[in-house]
Amino acid sequence: MGQYIPDNDQYPLEDQLKTLADDELLDFWEEAQMLDRPLGENAEPVNVTPLEYERIILQELMLRSCMRGAGPR
């Protein structure tokens, strides 16, 4: 499964997502949907904007879809 490296400015999220297979990208999207849900009473708040993750993931999925549709004819 893919893993996001949040403290590594050398590899932005957009570049990290390009290395994931489609199923890994969809798994990451599913996990991003859970970021804003509390994990329990003592859970630390997550300092990530779930909508930003979703936007970047959907952008990558749309790009991949367009690339498949623009294949050789």
C-alpha atoms as a PDB file:
ATOM      1  CA  MET A   1       0.000   0.000   0.000  1.00  0.00           C
ATOM      2  CA  GLY A   2       1.195   3.513  -0.712  1.00  0.00           C
ATOM      3  CA  GLN A   3       2.229   5.857   2.041  1.00  0.00           C
ATOM      4  CA  TYR A   4       2.213   9.649   2.153  1.00  0.00           C
ATOM      5  CA  ILE A   5       5.385  11.255   3.517  1.00  0.00           C
ATOM      6  CA  PRO A   6       4.015  14.506   5.028  1.00  0.00           C
ATOM      7  CA  ASP A   7       7.317  16.056   6.197  1.00  0.00           C
ATOM      8  CA  ASN A   8       9.202  15.585   2.970  1.00  0.00           C
ATOM      9  CA  ASP A   9       9.018  18.775   0.882  1.00  0.00           C
ATOM     10  CA  GLN A  10      11.212  17.154  -1.733  1.00  0.00           C
ATOM     11  CA  TYR A  11       8.283  14.956  -2.821  1.00  0.00           C
ATOM     12  CA  PRO A  12       4.985  16.887  -2.983  1.00  0.00           C
ATOM     13  CA  LEU A  13       1.756  14.941  -2.565  1.00  0.00           C
ATOM     14  CA  GLU A  14       0.971  15.342  -6.266  1.00  0.00           C
ATOM     15  CA  ASP A  15       4.232  13.604  -7.214  1.00  0.00           C
ATOM     16  CA  GLN A  16       3.763  10.865  -4.632  1.00  0.00           C
ATOM     17  CA  LEU A  17       0.292  10.057  -5.988  1.00  0.00           C
ATOM     18  CA  LYS A  18       1.647   9.593  -9.511  1.00  0.00           C
ATOM     19  CA  THR A  19       3.697   6.639  -8.296  1.00  0.00           C
ATOM     20  CA  LEU A  20       0.651   4.774  -6.923  1.00  0.00           C
ATOM     21  CA  ALA A  21      -1.255   2.127  -8.823  1.00  0.00           C
ATOM     22  CA  ASP A  22      -4.971   2.796  -9.350  1.00  0.00           C
ATOM     23  CA  ASP A  23      -6.044   0.502  -6.491  1.00  0.00           C
ATOM     24  CA  GLU A  24      -3.512   2.137  -4.140  1.00  0.00           C
ATOM     25  CA  LEU A  25      -4.753   5.576  -5.146  1.00  0.00           C
ATOM     26  CA  LEU A  26      -8.337   4.567  -4.407  1.00  0.00           C
ATOM     27  CA  ASP A  27      -7.236   3.156  -1.021  1.00  0.00           C
ATOM     28  CA  PHE A  28      -5.530   6.456  -0.240  1.00  0.00           C
ATOM     29  CA  TRP A  29      -8.700   8.331  -1.224  1.00  0.00           C
ATOM     30  CA  GLU A  30     -10.729   6.121   1.117  1.00  0.00           C
ATOM     31  CA  GLU A  31      -8.314   6.793   3.969  1.00  0.00           C
ATOM     32  CA  ALA A  32      -8.421  10.535   3.258  1.00  0.00           C
ATOM     33  CA  GLN A  33     -12.196  10.407   3.722  1.00  0.00           C
ATOM     34  CA  MET A  34     -11.639   9.246   7.294  1.00  0.00           C
ATOM     35  CA  LEU A  35      -9.169  12.000   8.245  1.00  0.00           C
ATOM     36  CA  ASP A  36     -11.827  14.313   9.634  1.00  0.00           C
ATOM     37  CA  ARG A  37     -13.465  11.647  11.773  1.00  0.00           C
ATOM     38  CA  PRO A  38     -12.398  11.505  15.433  1.00  0.00           C
ATOM     39  CA  LEU A  39     -10.505   8.375  16.387  1.00  0.00           C
ATOM     40  CA  GLY A  40     -11.626   8.463  20.001  1.00  0.00           C
ATOM     41  CA  GLU A  41     -11.889  10.724  23.020  1.00  0.00           C
ATOM     42  CA  ASN A  42      -8.140  11.255  23.373  1.00  0.00           C
ATOM     43  CA  ALA A  43      -7.359  11.440  19.676  1.00  0.00           C
ATOM     44  CA  GLU A  44      -5.116  14.223  18.476  1.00  0.00           C
ATOM     45  CA  PRO A  45      -6.656  16.478  15.829  1.00  0.00           C
ATOM     46  CA  VAL A  46      -5.316  15.900  12.340  1.00  0.00           C
ATOM     47  CA  ASN A  47      -3.667  18.973  10.808  1.00  0.00           C
ATOM     48  CA  VAL A  48      -4.646  18.056   7.266  1.00  0.00           C
ATOM     49  CA  THR A  49      -7.380  19.411   5.069  1.00  0.00           C
ATOM     50  CA  PRO A  50      -9.338  16.383   3.811  1.00  0.00           C
ATOM     51  CA  LEU A  51     -10.819  18.437   0.973  1.00  0.00           C
ATOM     52  CA  GLU A  52      -7.318  19.242  -0.292  1.00  0.00           C
ATOM     53  CA  TYR A  53      -6.413  15.541  -0.341  1.00  0.00           C
ATOM     54  CA  GLU A  54      -9.649  14.758  -2.132  1.00  0.00           C
ATOM     55  CA  ARG A  55      -9.070  17.473  -4.742  1.00  0.00           C
ATOM     56  CA  ILE A  56      -5.543  16.259  -5.495  1.00  0.00           C
ATOM     57  CA  ILE A  57      -6.592  12.593  -5.643  1.00  0.00           C
ATOM     58  CA  LEU A  58      -9.562  13.308  -7.919  1.00  0.00           C
ATOM     59  CA  GLN A  59      -7.347  15.431 -10.159  1.00  0.00           C
ATOM     60  CA  GLU A  60      -4.922  12.510 -10.542  1.00  0.00           C
ATOM     61  CA  LEU A  61      -7.784  10.080 -11.263  1.00  0.00           C
ATOM     62  CA  MET A  62      -9.203  12.408 -13.928  1.00  0.00           C
ATOM     63  CA  LEU A  63      -5.778  12.781 -15.532  1.00  0.00           C
ATOM     64  CA  ARG A  64      -5.361   9.001 -15.655  1.00  0.00           C
ATOM     65  CA  SER A  65      -8.835   8.597 -17.136  1.00  0.00           C
ATOM     66  CA  CYS A  66      -8.083  11.151 -19.854  1.00  0.00           C
ATOM     67  CA  MET A  67      -4.743   9.496 -20.630  1.00  0.00           C
ATOM     68  CA  ARG A  68      -6.487   6.135 -21.130  1.00  0.00           C
ATOM     69  CA  GLY A  69      -9.126   7.723 -23.369  1.00  0.00           C
ATOM     70  CA  ALA A  70      -6.517   9.505 -25.480  1.00  0.00           C
ATOM     71  CA  GLY A  71      -4.641   6.312 -26.325  1.00  0.00           C
ATOM     72  CA  PRO A  72      -3.722   5.315 -29.889  1.00  0.00           C
ATOM     73  CA  ARG A  73      -6.605   4.856 -32.272  1.00  0.00           C
END
